[in-house]
Amino acid sequence: MPFITFYTRVGCPLCDKALEQLEPLAQRYGATIEIVDIDLDLELLERYNHRVPVIESADGSVIDEGIVDASVITAGIKSLY
């Protein structure tokens, strides 16, 4: 089962929209999502502060970030198989 990490922060409208797109796609393709708030970890905050939302595969490859696109997310999830 593919594993996806979704880096986000509270109060991020782009993050909310991205998660709305990601959740049904992950469900359709059987992927598990781990949601991580970057503001709870200084290292993640430094890495992703101006990039969230960021969607990564288990190997750390970025699937999409910022203003995400459902077709890019779909292709990224499919590539995990």
C-alpha atoms as a PDB file:
ATOM      1  CA  MET A   1       0.000   0.000   0.000  1.00  0.00           C
ATOM      2  CA  PRO A   2       1.500   3.368  -1.017  1.00  0.00           C
ATOM      3  CA  PHE A   3       2.304   5.819   1.764  1.00  0.00           C
ATOM      4  CA  ILE A   4       2.036   9.599   1.328  1.00  0.00           C
ATOM      5  CA  THR A   5       3.093  12.356   3.705  1.00  0.00           C
ATOM      6  CA  PHE A   6       1.081  15.567   3.575  1.00  0.00           C
ATOM      7  CA  TYR A   7       2.930  18.531   5.082  1.00  0.00           C
ATOM      8  CA  THR A   8       0.560  21.266   6.185  1.00  0.00           C
ATOM      9  CA  ARG A   9      -0.119  23.902   8.820  1.00  0.00           C
ATOM     10  CA  VAL A  10      -3.207  25.116  10.645  1.00  0.00           C
ATOM     11  CA  GLY A  11      -4.958  28.025   8.934  1.00  0.00           C
ATOM     12  CA  CYS A  12      -3.506  27.355   5.469  1.00  0.00           C
ATOM     13  CA  PRO A  13      -6.253  27.679   2.839  1.00  0.00           C
ATOM     14  CA  LEU A  14      -4.065  26.104   0.117  1.00  0.00           C
ATOM     15  CA  CYS A  15      -3.477  23.158   2.424  1.00  0.00           C
ATOM     16  CA  ASP A  16      -7.190  22.714   3.028  1.00  0.00           C
ATOM     17  CA  LYS A  17      -7.902  22.717  -0.714  1.00  0.00           C
ATOM     18  CA  ALA A  18      -5.036  20.328  -1.406  1.00  0.00           C
ATOM     19  CA  LEU A  19      -6.241  17.871   1.223  1.00  0.00           C
ATOM     20  CA  GLU A  20      -9.745  17.985  -0.294  1.00  0.00           C
ATOM     21  CA  GLN A  21      -8.189  16.818  -3.570  1.00  0.00           C
ATOM     22  CA  LEU A  22      -5.733  14.354  -2.036  1.00  0.00           C
ATOM     23  CA  GLU A  23      -8.044  12.392   0.254  1.00  0.00           C
ATOM     24  CA  PRO A  24     -10.418  10.977  -2.387  1.00  0.00           C
ATOM     25  CA  LEU A  25      -7.521  10.180  -4.730  1.00  0.00           C
ATOM     26  CA  ALA A  26      -5.615   8.388  -1.993  1.00  0.00           C
ATOM     27  CA  GLN A  27      -8.730   6.426  -1.122  1.00  0.00           C
ATOM     28  CA  ARG A  28      -9.343   5.514  -4.767  1.00  0.00           C
ATOM     29  CA  TYR A  29      -5.805   4.192  -5.200  1.00  0.00           C
ATOM     30  CA  GLY A  30      -5.436   2.675  -1.739  1.00  0.00           C
ATOM     31  CA  ALA A  31      -2.794   5.070  -0.443  1.00  0.00           C
ATOM     32  CA  THR A  32      -2.317   5.928   3.214  1.00  0.00           C
ATOM     33  CA  ILE A  33      -1.871   9.595   4.155  1.00  0.00           C
ATOM     34  CA  GLU A  34       0.128  10.834   7.129  1.00  0.00           C
ATOM     35  CA  ILE A  35      -0.738  14.460   7.892  1.00  0.00           C
ATOM     36  CA  VAL A  36       2.139  16.417   9.443  1.00  0.00           C
ATOM     37  CA  ASP A  37       1.861  19.943  10.863  1.00  0.00           C
ATOM     38  CA  ILE A  38       5.182  21.613  10.031  1.00  0.00           C
ATOM     39  CA  ASP A  39       4.756  24.194  12.784  1.00  0.00           C
ATOM     40  CA  LEU A  40       5.312  21.465  15.403  1.00  0.00           C
ATOM     41  CA  ASP A  41       8.859  20.672  14.217  1.00  0.00           C
ATOM     42  CA  LEU A  42      11.547  23.329  13.731  1.00  0.00           C
ATOM     43  CA  GLU A  43      13.391  21.334  11.044  1.00  0.00           C
ATOM     44  CA  LEU A  44      10.199  20.821   9.023  1.00  0.00           C
ATOM     45  CA  LEU A  45       9.258  24.463   9.487  1.00  0.00           C
ATOM     46  CA  GLU A  46      12.609  25.549   8.036  1.00  0.00           C
ATOM     47  CA  ARG A  47      12.301  23.102   5.134  1.00  0.00           C
ATOM     48  CA  TYR A  48       8.663  23.659   4.160  1.00  0.00           C
ATOM     49  CA  ASN A  49       7.667  27.052   5.596  1.00  0.00           C
ATOM     50  CA  HIS A  50       6.858  28.772   2.291  1.00  0.00           C
ATOM     51  CA  ARG A  51       6.170  25.595   0.311  1.00  0.00           C
ATOM     52  CA  VAL A  52       3.139  24.065   2.060  1.00  0.00           C
ATOM     53  CA  PRO A  53       1.171  22.162   1.212  1.00  0.00           C
ATOM     54  CA  VAL A  54       3.724  19.546   0.207  1.00  0.00           C
ATOM     55  CA  ILE A  55       2.791  15.998  -0.787  1.00  0.00           C
ATOM     56  CA  GLU A  56       5.641  13.474  -0.622  1.00  0.00           C
ATOM     57  CA  SER A  57       5.946   9.790  -1.354  1.00  0.00           C
ATOM     58  CA  ALA A  58       7.474   7.428   1.216  1.00  0.00           C
ATOM     59  CA  ASP A  59      10.900   7.767  -0.430  1.00  0.00           C
ATOM     60  CA  GLY A  60      10.844  11.558   0.063  1.00  0.00           C
ATOM     61  CA  SER A  61      10.070  12.453  -3.547  1.00  0.00           C
ATOM     62  CA  VAL A  62       7.787  15.465  -3.859  1.00  0.00           C
ATOM     63  CA  ILE A  63       4.595  14.574  -5.700  1.00  0.00           C
ATOM     64  CA  ASP A  64       3.203  18.129  -5.677  1.00  0.00           C
ATOM     65  CA  GLU A  65       3.343  21.315  -3.621  1.00  0.00           C
ATOM     66  CA  GLY A  66       1.814  24.763  -3.369  1.00  0.00           C
ATOM     67  CA  ILE A  67      -1.208  25.054  -5.611  1.00  0.00           C
ATOM     68  CA  VAL A  68      -1.646  21.350  -6.255  1.00  0.00           C
ATOM     69  CA  ASP A  69      -3.244  19.724  -9.283  1.00  0.00           C
ATOM     70  CA  ALA A  70      -5.376  16.573  -9.056  1.00  0.00           C
ATOM     71  CA  SER A  71      -3.860  15.147 -12.240  1.00  0.00           C
ATOM     72  CA  VAL A  72      -0.333  15.582 -10.852  1.00  0.00           C
ATOM     73  CA  ILE A  73      -1.364  13.958  -7.566  1.00  0.00           C
ATOM     74  CA  THR A  74      -2.978  11.058  -9.439  1.00  0.00           C
ATOM     75  CA  ALA A  75       0.128  10.489 -11.558  1.00  0.00           C
ATOM     76  CA  GLY A  76       2.291  10.646  -8.438  1.00  0.00           C
ATOM     77  CA  ILE A  77       0.176   8.086  -6.588  1.00  0.00           C
ATOM     78  CA  LYS A  78       0.067   5.770  -9.611  1.00  0.00           C
ATOM     79  CA  SER A  79       3.862   5.926  -9.888  1.00  0.00           C
ATOM     80  CA  LEU A  80       4.129   4.446  -6.380  1.00  0.00           C
ATOM     81  CA  TYR A  81       2.900   1.067  -7.655  1.00  0.00           C
END
